[in-house]
Structure formats: structure tokens, C-alpha cells
Amino acid sequence: MAARFTWIGLLALAVAVPGHAQLPQATGRGAEGGGHEGGAAGIPVGPMTAYPGVDLAVGYDDNLLRSSTNKISTPVAVISPYITLEGRSGPHSFDLRYRGAAGFYSDSSNDNYLDTALQANAKLIFTTRSDLTARLDYKYGHDPRGSTDRPISSDPDRYWQAGAFALYGYGGQGAKGRIEVDGEYYQRRYTNNLQNTAVSDRNVASAGGTFFWRVAPKTRLLFQGRYVDYDYTDPASNQDSSDRYLYVGAQWDVTAKTTGIAKYGYSKKVFSSPQNPSQSGSSWDLAVRWSPLTYSVFDFTTYRRFEESTGVGDAIVQSRVGARWTHAWNSRLSHSIGYDFTNDNYKGNTSRDDNTNTLGLRMDYRFRRWLKFGAEYQFTDRESNDPLYPYRRNLIMFSIGATL
């Protein structure tokens, strides 16, 4: 019992530390589920319940800069406190989330960081046929050195980002049809290394609409359109553009073992500057989950879409295929094995083409309801037809996570 109170004291101290933050992001119908796991105990805070926790990880990175010529190998430690406040009012649900991260590299202190993320979510159920999902978020984060195509500075590129998202849906649970309309807006501003990062400051606005048509009890066809506008604030930038997507597809939950969504269609990126020609081609997005056993899950994903340039070319057409197997050996021990293949095809005044293979393995052991240990290994191998960009990287981390 004394050991547990020691952990709670450390947790309270860690929550006060601002920190690299990755909060769940709303996609489709928004962020689902709570910000706590493993039956964590909550603390009543007025009409809401708080679920605090902290993760601590230590490990070793053998190629911090993701480079084949300028390798930095270093031990690393990351402390990541978080807290979620959840509440309900009738059929409506709300939550507030905070996650921070403080990273320390013993052999490369310039890469140390303090990141933080805040997020507010709401799910409003007006009637059995009408609902609204909304999100506000703010993040102070960084791009690790070597993770973009901008020149590598003496310290990471830091930025703040603030945005809002909303999705309105009309159509009941068992209705023949349902319409969803969504919109999002965010701003990103870099705060250092401005000689290289100022051209990446941008405002992004997007809008989309999806029509679902039920053709079987657990199968719906979908028709979707999406528009994304990128407005770069630097007057010298020629990256202003808009992405347009049109999809047809299906969403299914045929059995308790198989669920998925698949979309295929056409995409086009149109630049405001006549110097940058438009790009177009096919686009797709597929996610399938197969659960042959209640404690064993396979996830398969693939997509093809436009990504923004970070220093090379006008745009990137990114294609990715991934698979993951998550298995619980018993109530305490579980593992996750994943593989991703990514192709980045650069467009514009370059012929660069990258292929990246990523293999990851993670083991988790829940020692107590409120205490979990983990170990993770990740191997990344990027090949490129440009000799400046291939690299290999090994990252190993050991972690401990505590909740109330």
C-alpha cells in the first residue's frame, strides 16, 4: 500500500510538468471512448470524473537524426503525464484531455523537448436521428530533427497548433440512410529556426460530406466528397493549394469477427501558383479488423492520399499498407506486432521516391490494475533513389505506466 501511495505522489508531481503529446484525434464520428484504460479508478470533480496517469519510458535510439551519414546514438528518457475529465448530461457526453511529454537525450541535449496537448470533446445527441460531435484542441509540439525535409538545425523545429472540428449527422441507428457533414480548421505556427520553418506556417480548412445507404442489416454503401484548403502565410511561398477527394465504398459489420470500411475514388491537388502543376490520380482508404478470438485481433490498413511537402517537391503522394496483430496471452500479458510499408512519391521539380519499411513489437504486462510494464522495439529502413535520404534506425524502449 505504501508503494502505491508513492506512485500516486509521483503522478501528482508529473501532471504539473508540461510536456510531447499525442491525444486521440477525432476522425469520422470523432474521438470514441474514454482517456483511461485497464479499469483505472476515477476521482469525482464536481459533475465530472478525473482519470490521471503517467507513463515513464527509457531506452536507446541508434539514429536520432534519421541519417545515413550523420548518426547520433543516444539513451533517451520520456515522462508523459496525462489526465482525462469525463462527464455526462442526459444523453450527451463530454471530456477534457491533457497529455504532456518531456523527452531527454543524454548524448544530444539539444534534442530535449517539452510538449503539451489539450483537447475538449463533446458528443451531443439531439434526437434518435440527429447528433453532433465537436472538438477543440491545442498543441505545443515539435518536429524531431531529421523527421522533415527541411534543413537540420541545431535543435528541433517547434510549433503551436490550434484547431476545431465538428461533425453533424442525421439518420438513426437502423435508418435506411444517414448523412454526415463535417468541417475542420486549424492554424500551425513555428516558433524557432524561422529561416527554414517560416515557409511551413499555414492555415488549413476542410469540409466533407458522406451519405450512407443501408443495403443489408450490417452493411452500408457510402458516397463521400472532401475538400481541403492549404493557405501558407509566407508571401514567398508557392505551396497554397486545395485537395479534392471523391469516394465510393462500403462499411460493414458482417459478423462479430469482421468489421471494416473501404473507400476508393479520385483525388486532385490544385495549386494557386501557375508554377506548380496540378496533380491527380486514384485514392483509397481501407481498414479491416478481424477478431478470430475475443482476445486476438488482426488489423489491416491501406491508403493512398496527398501529403504536404516539408522542403522537397511541391507535394507527396503517399501510399501505405499496414498489418498488426494484438493478442492477450492472459489477463496480464499481451503483445502487439506490426508492419508498415510506405511509399512517398514526390511531385514537382524532383524525381525522388522513397520506400520505408517499419517493423514494431511491443509487450505489455499488467502487474496490478493500476500499474503496467512494457517493452517495445522498432526498426525502420528507408530506401530512396536520392542518395541523401536512405537510413536505418533501431529504437528500443522500456516503459512503466501508472494510474489511480
Protein backbone atom coordinates (compact mmCIF):
# COMPACT_ATOMS: atom_id res chain seq x y z
CA MET A 1 0.00 0.00 0.00
CA ALA A 2 2.87 2.39 0.79
CA ALA A 3 4.37 1.73 -2.63
CA ARG A 4 1.07 2.63 -4.26
CA PHE A 5 0.91 5.96 -2.40
CA THR A 6 4.47 6.66 -3.55
CA TRP A 7 3.35 6.20 -7.17
CA ILE A 8 0.36 8.48 -6.62
CA GLY A 9 2.67 11.16 -5.24
CA LEU A 10 4.96 10.87 -8.27
CA LEU A 11 1.92 11.03 -10.53
CA ALA A 12 0.69 14.24 -8.94
CA LEU A 13 4.13 15.80 -9.39
CA ALA A 14 4.36 14.67 -13.03
CA VAL A 15 0.97 16.09 -14.01
CA ALA A 16 2.32 19.53 -13.16
CA VAL A 17 5.10 19.14 -15.76
CA PRO A 18 4.22 20.45 -19.25
CA GLY A 19 5.34 18.07 -21.82
CA HIS A 20 5.43 15.56 -26.44
CA ALA A 21 1.78 14.97 -26.55
CA GLN A 22 -0.34 12.69 -28.69
CA LEU A 23 -4.01 12.92 -27.86
CA PRO A 24 -6.56 10.80 -29.74
CA GLN A 25 -7.81 12.74 -32.74
CA ALA A 26 -11.40 12.79 -33.90
CA THR A 27 -11.97 11.11 -37.23
CA GLY A 28 -15.27 10.12 -38.72
CA ARG A 29 -17.63 10.46 -35.78
CA GLY A 30 -14.95 11.87 -33.51
CA ALA A 31 -12.90 10.56 -30.65
CA GLU A 32 -14.52 7.48 -29.21
CA GLY A 33 -14.17 6.06 -25.73
CA GLY A 34 -12.51 7.46 -22.66
CA GLY A 35 -8.99 8.55 -21.99
CA HIS A 36 -8.34 5.82 -19.42
CA GLU A 37 -7.68 2.10 -19.61
CA GLY A 38 -7.45 -1.03 -17.52
CA GLY A 39 -10.32 -0.09 -15.20
CA ALA A 40 -8.48 2.94 -13.80
CA ALA A 41 -10.11 4.44 -10.73
CA GLY A 42 -11.53 7.93 -11.11
CA ILE A 43 -11.70 10.97 -8.84
CA PRO A 44 -15.03 12.86 -8.69
CA VAL A 45 -14.56 16.51 -9.69
CA GLY A 46 -17.92 18.21 -9.46
CA PRO A 47 -20.16 16.68 -12.14
CA MET A 48 -17.18 15.04 -13.87
CA THR A 49 -14.73 12.25 -13.10
CA ALA A 50 -10.94 12.65 -13.43
CA TYR A 51 -8.67 9.82 -14.58
CA PRO A 52 -4.99 10.83 -14.10
CA GLY A 53 -1.96 8.77 -15.04
CA VAL A 54 1.68 8.92 -16.01
CA ASP A 55 3.93 6.94 -18.35
CA LEU A 56 7.71 6.76 -17.99
CA ALA A 57 9.93 5.23 -20.69
CA VAL A 58 13.69 4.80 -21.03
CA GLY A 59 15.56 3.33 -23.96
CA TYR A 60 18.10 3.75 -26.72
CA ASP A 61 17.93 5.35 -30.18
CA ASP A 62 20.77 4.41 -32.54
CA ASN A 63 19.95 7.01 -35.25
CA LEU A 64 18.27 10.03 -33.71
CA LEU A 65 18.61 12.23 -36.84
CA ARG A 66 17.36 9.53 -39.26
CA SER A 67 20.51 9.90 -41.35
CA SER A 68 22.94 7.57 -43.10
CA THR A 69 25.89 9.97 -42.74
CA ASN A 70 25.33 11.97 -39.55
CA LYS A 71 24.29 9.36 -37.00
CA ILE A 72 23.70 10.22 -33.35
CA SER A 73 23.19 7.32 -30.94
CA THR A 74 21.86 8.17 -27.52
CA PRO A 75 19.96 6.90 -24.48
CA VAL A 76 16.54 8.54 -24.14
CA ALA A 77 14.03 9.04 -21.34
CA VAL A 78 10.46 10.31 -21.71
CA ILE A 79 7.97 11.16 -18.97
CA SER A 80 4.38 11.64 -20.11
CA PRO A 81 1.68 12.68 -17.62
CA TYR A 82 -1.97 12.78 -18.65
CA ILE A 83 -5.40 13.37 -17.22
CA THR A 84 -8.91 12.99 -18.60
CA LEU A 85 -12.07 14.58 -17.20
CA GLU A 86 -15.28 12.84 -18.30
CA GLY A 87 -18.88 13.80 -17.73
CA ARG A 88 -22.41 13.22 -18.95
CA SER A 89 -25.60 15.25 -19.08
CA GLY A 90 -28.54 13.16 -20.12
CA PRO A 91 -27.65 11.57 -23.49
CA HIS A 92 -24.74 13.97 -24.03
CA SER A 93 -21.11 13.17 -23.15
CA PHE A 94 -18.12 15.45 -22.66
CA ASP A 95 -14.44 15.10 -21.90
CA LEU A 96 -11.36 17.26 -21.38
CA ARG A 97 -7.94 15.76 -22.01
CA TYR A 98 -4.38 16.80 -21.25
CA ARG A 99 -1.20 14.98 -22.14
CA GLY A 100 2.31 16.24 -21.78
CA ALA A 101 5.70 14.80 -22.61
CA ALA A 102 9.21 15.70 -21.56
CA GLY A 103 11.98 13.99 -23.54
CA PHE A 104 15.65 13.87 -22.53
CA TYR A 105 18.57 12.63 -24.67
CA SER A 106 21.71 12.13 -22.62
CA ASP A 107 24.11 12.36 -25.60
CA SER A 108 22.21 15.05 -27.52
CA SER A 109 20.68 17.55 -25.11
CA ASN A 110 19.79 19.92 -27.97
CA ASP A 111 17.03 17.46 -28.89
CA ASN A 112 15.37 17.61 -25.46
CA TYR A 113 11.74 18.75 -25.62
CA LEU A 114 8.71 19.75 -23.58
CA ASP A 115 5.44 19.22 -25.46
CA THR A 116 1.85 19.57 -24.37
CA ALA A 117 -1.61 18.92 -25.82
CA LEU A 118 -5.08 19.94 -24.67
CA GLN A 119 -8.34 18.69 -26.13
CA ALA A 120 -12.05 19.16 -25.42
CA ASN A 121 -14.62 16.75 -26.93
CA ALA A 122 -18.40 16.74 -26.94
CA LYS A 123 -20.94 14.24 -28.25
CA LEU A 124 -24.43 15.74 -28.37
CA ILE A 125 -27.46 13.53 -29.05
CA PHE A 126 -30.37 15.79 -30.02
CA THR A 127 -32.81 13.09 -31.11
CA THR A 128 -32.62 9.44 -32.18
CA ARG A 129 -31.82 10.74 -35.69
CA SER A 130 -29.71 13.84 -35.04
CA ASP A 131 -26.29 14.16 -33.35
CA LEU A 132 -23.22 16.39 -33.26
CA THR A 133 -19.58 15.60 -32.48
CA ALA A 134 -17.28 18.56 -31.74
CA ARG A 135 -13.64 19.01 -30.75
CA LEU A 136 -11.34 21.88 -29.79
CA ASP A 137 -7.63 21.26 -29.41
CA TYR A 138 -4.33 22.99 -28.83
CA LYS A 139 -0.87 21.51 -29.12
CA TYR A 140 2.61 22.83 -28.50
CA GLY A 141 4.91 20.32 -30.19
CA HIS A 142 7.98 19.81 -32.29
CA ASP A 143 9.26 18.11 -35.43
CA PRO A 144 12.20 15.90 -34.37
CA ARG A 145 15.37 16.71 -36.24
CA GLY A 146 15.56 14.64 -39.43
CA SER A 147 11.81 13.91 -39.50
CA THR A 148 11.13 16.51 -42.23
CA ASP A 149 12.88 17.52 -45.45
CA ARG A 150 13.79 20.95 -44.10
CA PRO A 151 17.49 21.62 -43.35
CA ILE A 152 18.51 20.17 -39.97
CA SER A 153 19.04 22.96 -37.44
CA SER A 154 20.85 22.81 -34.11
CA ASP A 155 17.60 22.00 -32.27
CA PRO A 156 14.15 20.63 -33.22
CA ASP A 157 11.60 22.77 -35.09
CA ARG A 158 8.97 23.81 -32.53
CA TYR A 159 5.42 24.93 -33.26
CA TRP A 160 1.99 25.54 -31.81
CA GLN A 161 -1.22 24.36 -33.43
CA ALA A 162 -4.80 25.22 -32.57
CA GLY A 163 -7.95 23.98 -34.25
CA ALA A 164 -11.58 22.96 -34.16
CA PHE A 165 -13.57 20.09 -35.68
CA ALA A 166 -17.30 19.39 -35.94
CA LEU A 167 -19.42 16.64 -37.49
CA TYR A 168 -23.19 16.68 -37.74
CA GLY A 169 -25.08 13.50 -38.54
CA TYR A 170 -28.70 12.96 -39.49
CA GLY A 171 -30.10 9.44 -39.63
CA GLY A 172 -30.97 6.92 -36.94
CA GLN A 173 -29.12 3.78 -35.94
CA GLY A 174 -31.26 1.49 -38.08
CA ALA A 175 -32.29 4.02 -40.72
CA LYS A 176 -32.04 3.27 -44.41
CA GLY A 177 -29.91 6.36 -44.97
CA ARG A 178 -27.65 8.67 -42.99
CA ILE A 179 -25.90 11.94 -43.89
CA GLU A 180 -22.78 13.22 -42.16
CA VAL A 181 -21.32 16.70 -42.76
CA ASP A 182 -18.02 17.73 -41.18
CA GLY A 183 -15.66 20.67 -41.11
CA GLU A 184 -12.27 21.40 -39.59
CA TYR A 185 -9.97 24.41 -39.28
CA TYR A 186 -6.54 24.72 -37.71
CA GLN A 187 -3.52 27.02 -37.66
CA ARG A 188 0.10 25.94 -37.31
CA ARG A 189 2.88 28.42 -36.48
CA TYR A 190 6.56 27.63 -35.97
CA THR A 191 8.38 29.45 -33.20
CA ASN A 192 12.08 28.84 -33.92
CA ASN A 193 14.52 28.16 -36.77
CA LEU A 194 12.39 30.60 -38.74
CA GLN A 195 14.87 30.83 -41.60
CA ASN A 196 13.78 27.30 -42.50
CA THR A 197 10.37 26.89 -40.85
CA ALA A 198 8.54 30.14 -41.70
CA VAL A 199 7.55 28.75 -45.10
CA SER A 200 5.65 25.95 -43.31
CA ASP A 201 3.30 28.23 -41.33
CA ARG A 202 -0.20 27.57 -42.61
CA ASN A 203 -3.95 27.74 -42.11
CA VAL A 204 -5.86 24.61 -43.10
CA ALA A 205 -9.61 24.41 -43.66
CA SER A 206 -11.52 21.31 -44.74
CA ALA A 207 -15.11 20.29 -45.36
CA GLY A 208 -16.66 16.97 -46.25
CA GLY A 209 -19.90 15.14 -46.65
CA THR A 210 -20.77 11.42 -46.58
CA PHE A 211 -24.02 9.69 -47.49
CA PHE A 212 -24.56 6.17 -46.13
CA TRP A 213 -27.15 3.84 -47.68
CA ARG A 214 -28.01 0.62 -45.84
CA VAL A 215 -28.18 -2.36 -48.23
CA ALA A 216 -28.16 -5.09 -45.56
CA PRO A 217 -28.68 -5.14 -41.79
CA LYS A 218 -24.96 -4.65 -41.15
CA THR A 219 -23.69 -3.28 -44.47
CA ARG A 220 -23.88 0.31 -45.78
CA LEU A 221 -22.70 1.78 -49.06
CA LEU A 222 -21.09 5.21 -48.80
CA PHE A 223 -20.54 8.16 -51.13
CA GLN A 224 -18.11 10.82 -49.92
CA GLY A 225 -16.66 14.11 -51.04
CA ARG A 226 -13.93 16.11 -49.28
CA TYR A 227 -12.23 19.47 -49.86
CA VAL A 228 -9.06 20.65 -48.05
CA ASP A 229 -7.60 24.15 -48.47
CA TYR A 230 -3.97 24.94 -47.53
CA ASP A 231 -3.15 28.63 -47.06
CA TYR A 232 0.55 29.29 -46.33
CA THR A 233 1.22 32.59 -44.58
CA ASP A 234 4.66 33.28 -46.09
CA PRO A 235 4.18 35.63 -49.09
CA ALA A 236 7.14 33.94 -50.82
CA SER A 237 5.53 30.50 -50.62
CA ASN A 238 4.05 28.91 -53.73
CA GLN A 239 2.52 25.99 -51.80
CA ASP A 240 -1.05 27.32 -51.48
CA SER A 241 -3.29 24.56 -52.78
CA SER A 242 -6.52 22.64 -52.41
CA ASP A 243 -7.09 18.87 -52.29
CA ARG A 244 -10.30 17.34 -53.65
CA TYR A 245 -11.41 13.76 -52.97
CA LEU A 246 -14.38 11.78 -54.28
CA TYR A 247 -15.02 8.28 -52.92
CA VAL A 248 -17.44 5.39 -53.17
CA GLY A 249 -17.23 2.49 -50.78
CA ALA A 250 -18.83 0.38 -48.09
CA GLN A 251 -18.88 -0.01 -44.32
CA TRP A 252 -19.68 -3.38 -42.80
CA ASP A 253 -20.02 -5.25 -39.54
CA VAL A 254 -20.98 -8.59 -41.04
CA THR A 255 -20.17 -10.75 -38.04
CA ALA A 256 -18.80 -10.26 -34.58
CA LYS A 257 -15.45 -11.27 -36.04
CA THR A 258 -15.10 -8.92 -39.02
CA THR A 259 -15.67 -5.18 -39.35
CA GLY A 260 -14.33 -2.68 -41.84
CA ILE A 261 -14.64 0.33 -44.09
CA ALA A 262 -13.36 0.63 -47.65
CA LYS A 263 -13.32 3.68 -49.94
CA TYR A 264 -11.95 4.09 -53.46
CA GLY A 265 -12.01 7.13 -55.67
CA TYR A 266 -10.29 10.08 -57.30
CA SER A 267 -8.08 12.79 -55.84
CA LYS A 268 -6.69 16.03 -57.22
CA LYS A 269 -4.37 18.70 -55.82
CA VAL A 270 -4.70 22.14 -57.42
CA PHE A 271 -2.06 24.79 -56.70
CA SER A 272 -2.78 28.51 -56.67
CA SER A 273 0.61 29.24 -58.26
CA PRO A 274 0.85 28.55 -62.02
CA GLN A 275 4.46 27.45 -61.36
CA ASN A 276 3.18 24.26 -59.71
CA PRO A 277 1.16 21.97 -61.99
CA SER A 278 -1.90 20.19 -60.63
CA GLN A 279 -1.58 16.56 -59.57
CA SER A 280 -4.29 13.93 -59.78
CA GLY A 281 -4.81 10.18 -59.54
CA SER A 282 -6.61 7.40 -57.74
CA SER A 283 -7.08 7.40 -53.98
CA TRP A 284 -8.27 4.83 -51.46
CA ASP A 285 -8.68 4.16 -47.76
CA LEU A 286 -9.34 0.74 -46.22
CA ALA A 287 -9.40 -0.50 -42.64
CA VAL A 288 -10.42 -4.05 -41.71
CA ARG A 289 -10.45 -5.68 -38.27
CA TRP A 290 -10.63 -9.46 -37.94
CA SER A 291 -11.15 -10.93 -34.46
CA PRO A 292 -10.97 -14.73 -34.72
CA LEU A 293 -10.92 -14.84 -30.90
CA THR A 294 -12.11 -12.34 -28.32
CA TYR A 295 -8.51 -11.91 -27.14
CA SER A 296 -6.79 -11.92 -30.55
CA VAL A 297 -7.25 -9.14 -33.14
CA PHE A 298 -5.78 -8.54 -36.60
CA ASP A 299 -5.93 -5.04 -38.15
CA PHE A 300 -5.24 -4.39 -41.86
CA THR A 301 -5.00 -0.88 -43.29
CA THR A 302 -4.04 0.74 -46.57
CA TYR A 303 -4.47 4.20 -48.07
CA ARG A 304 -3.27 6.49 -50.84
CA ARG A 305 -3.56 10.28 -50.49
CA PHE A 306 -1.74 13.59 -50.80
CA GLU A 307 0.64 14.82 -48.09
CA GLU A 308 2.16 18.28 -47.83
CA SER A 309 5.78 18.89 -48.80
CA THR A 310 8.19 19.64 -45.94
CA GLY A 311 11.02 21.00 -48.06
CA VAL A 312 11.37 18.83 -51.19
CA GLY A 313 8.99 18.98 -54.17
CA ASP A 314 5.54 20.52 -54.41
CA ALA A 315 3.56 17.64 -52.91
CA ILE A 316 3.85 14.00 -51.88
CA VAL A 317 1.61 11.13 -52.96
CA GLN A 318 1.78 8.73 -50.04
CA SER A 319 0.72 5.07 -50.26
CA ARG A 320 0.76 2.87 -47.17
CA VAL A 321 -0.02 -0.75 -46.32
CA GLY A 322 -0.01 -2.00 -42.73
CA ALA A 323 -0.88 -5.02 -40.62
CA ARG A 324 -0.98 -5.51 -36.85
CA TRP A 325 -1.65 -8.49 -34.59
CA THR A 326 -2.66 -7.84 -30.99
CA HIS A 327 -3.01 -10.83 -28.69
CA ALA A 328 -3.69 -11.22 -24.97
CA TRP A 329 -1.95 -14.33 -23.63
CA ASN A 330 -3.80 -13.99 -20.35
CA SER A 331 -5.35 -11.26 -18.21
CA ARG A 332 -1.93 -9.71 -17.59
CA LEU A 333 0.32 -10.35 -20.61
CA SER A 334 -0.27 -9.12 -24.15
CA HIS A 335 1.71 -8.31 -27.27
CA SER A 336 1.34 -6.30 -30.47
CA ILE A 337 3.30 -6.96 -33.67
CA GLY A 338 3.01 -4.54 -36.58
CA TYR A 339 4.46 -3.94 -40.02
CA ASP A 340 4.05 -0.91 -42.30
CA PHE A 341 5.24 -0.26 -45.84
CA THR A 342 5.09 3.34 -47.05
CA ASN A 343 5.86 4.75 -50.49
CA ASP A 344 6.40 8.51 -50.79
CA ASN A 345 6.33 9.68 -54.39
CA TYR A 346 7.46 13.32 -54.61
CA LYS A 347 5.85 15.60 -57.20
CA GLY A 348 7.19 18.79 -58.75
CA ASN A 349 10.79 19.64 -59.55
CA THR A 350 12.12 16.32 -58.21
CA SER A 351 12.00 12.64 -59.08
CA ARG A 352 12.57 11.49 -55.51
CA ASP A 353 10.84 8.27 -54.48
CA ASP A 354 11.13 6.70 -51.01
CA ASN A 355 10.16 3.26 -49.71
CA THR A 356 10.03 2.87 -45.92
CA ASN A 357 9.63 -0.42 -44.05
CA THR A 358 8.75 -0.26 -40.35
CA LEU A 359 8.58 -3.25 -38.03
CA GLY A 360 7.41 -2.94 -34.44
CA LEU A 361 7.00 -5.28 -31.48
CA ARG A 362 5.53 -4.40 -28.10
CA MET A 363 4.96 -6.49 -24.95
CA ASP A 364 2.82 -5.31 -22.02
CA TYR A 365 2.49 -6.81 -18.58
CA ARG A 366 -0.18 -5.52 -16.20
CA PHE A 367 1.35 -6.10 -12.78
CA ARG A 368 -1.58 -4.51 -10.99
CA ARG A 369 -4.80 -2.89 -12.11
CA TRP A 370 -3.08 0.48 -11.76
CA LEU A 371 0.48 -0.49 -12.81
CA LYS A 372 1.71 -1.71 -16.20
CA PHE A 373 5.16 -2.55 -17.59
CA GLY A 374 6.07 -2.55 -21.28
CA ALA A 375 8.92 -3.16 -23.71
CA GLU A 376 8.98 -2.02 -27.33
CA TYR A 377 11.31 -2.41 -30.30
CA GLN A 378 11.00 -0.59 -33.62
CA PHE A 379 13.11 -0.99 -36.75
CA THR A 380 12.85 1.49 -39.64
CA ASP A 381 14.53 1.09 -43.03
CA ARG A 382 14.07 3.82 -45.65
CA GLU A 383 15.31 3.37 -49.21
CA SER A 384 15.39 6.26 -51.67
CA ASN A 385 16.53 6.94 -55.21
CA ASP A 386 18.12 10.11 -53.81
CA PRO A 387 21.37 9.13 -52.01
CA LEU A 388 20.81 11.81 -49.35
CA TYR A 389 17.78 10.17 -47.77
CA PRO A 390 18.19 6.42 -47.05
CA TYR A 391 18.67 5.45 -43.39
CA ARG A 392 18.19 2.66 -40.88
CA ARG A 393 17.10 3.16 -37.29
CA ASN A 394 16.68 0.93 -34.25
CA LEU A 395 14.72 2.15 -31.24
CA ILE A 396 14.17 0.17 -28.06
CA MET A 397 12.13 1.41 -25.08
CA PHE A 398 11.16 0.05 -21.67
CA SER A 399 8.17 1.67 -20.01
CA ILE A 400 6.10 1.80 -16.85
CA GLY A 401 2.62 3.27 -16.64
CA ALA A 402 0.65 4.12 -13.52
CA THR A 403 -2.94 5.20 -12.90
CA LEU A 404 -5.05 5.56 -9.79
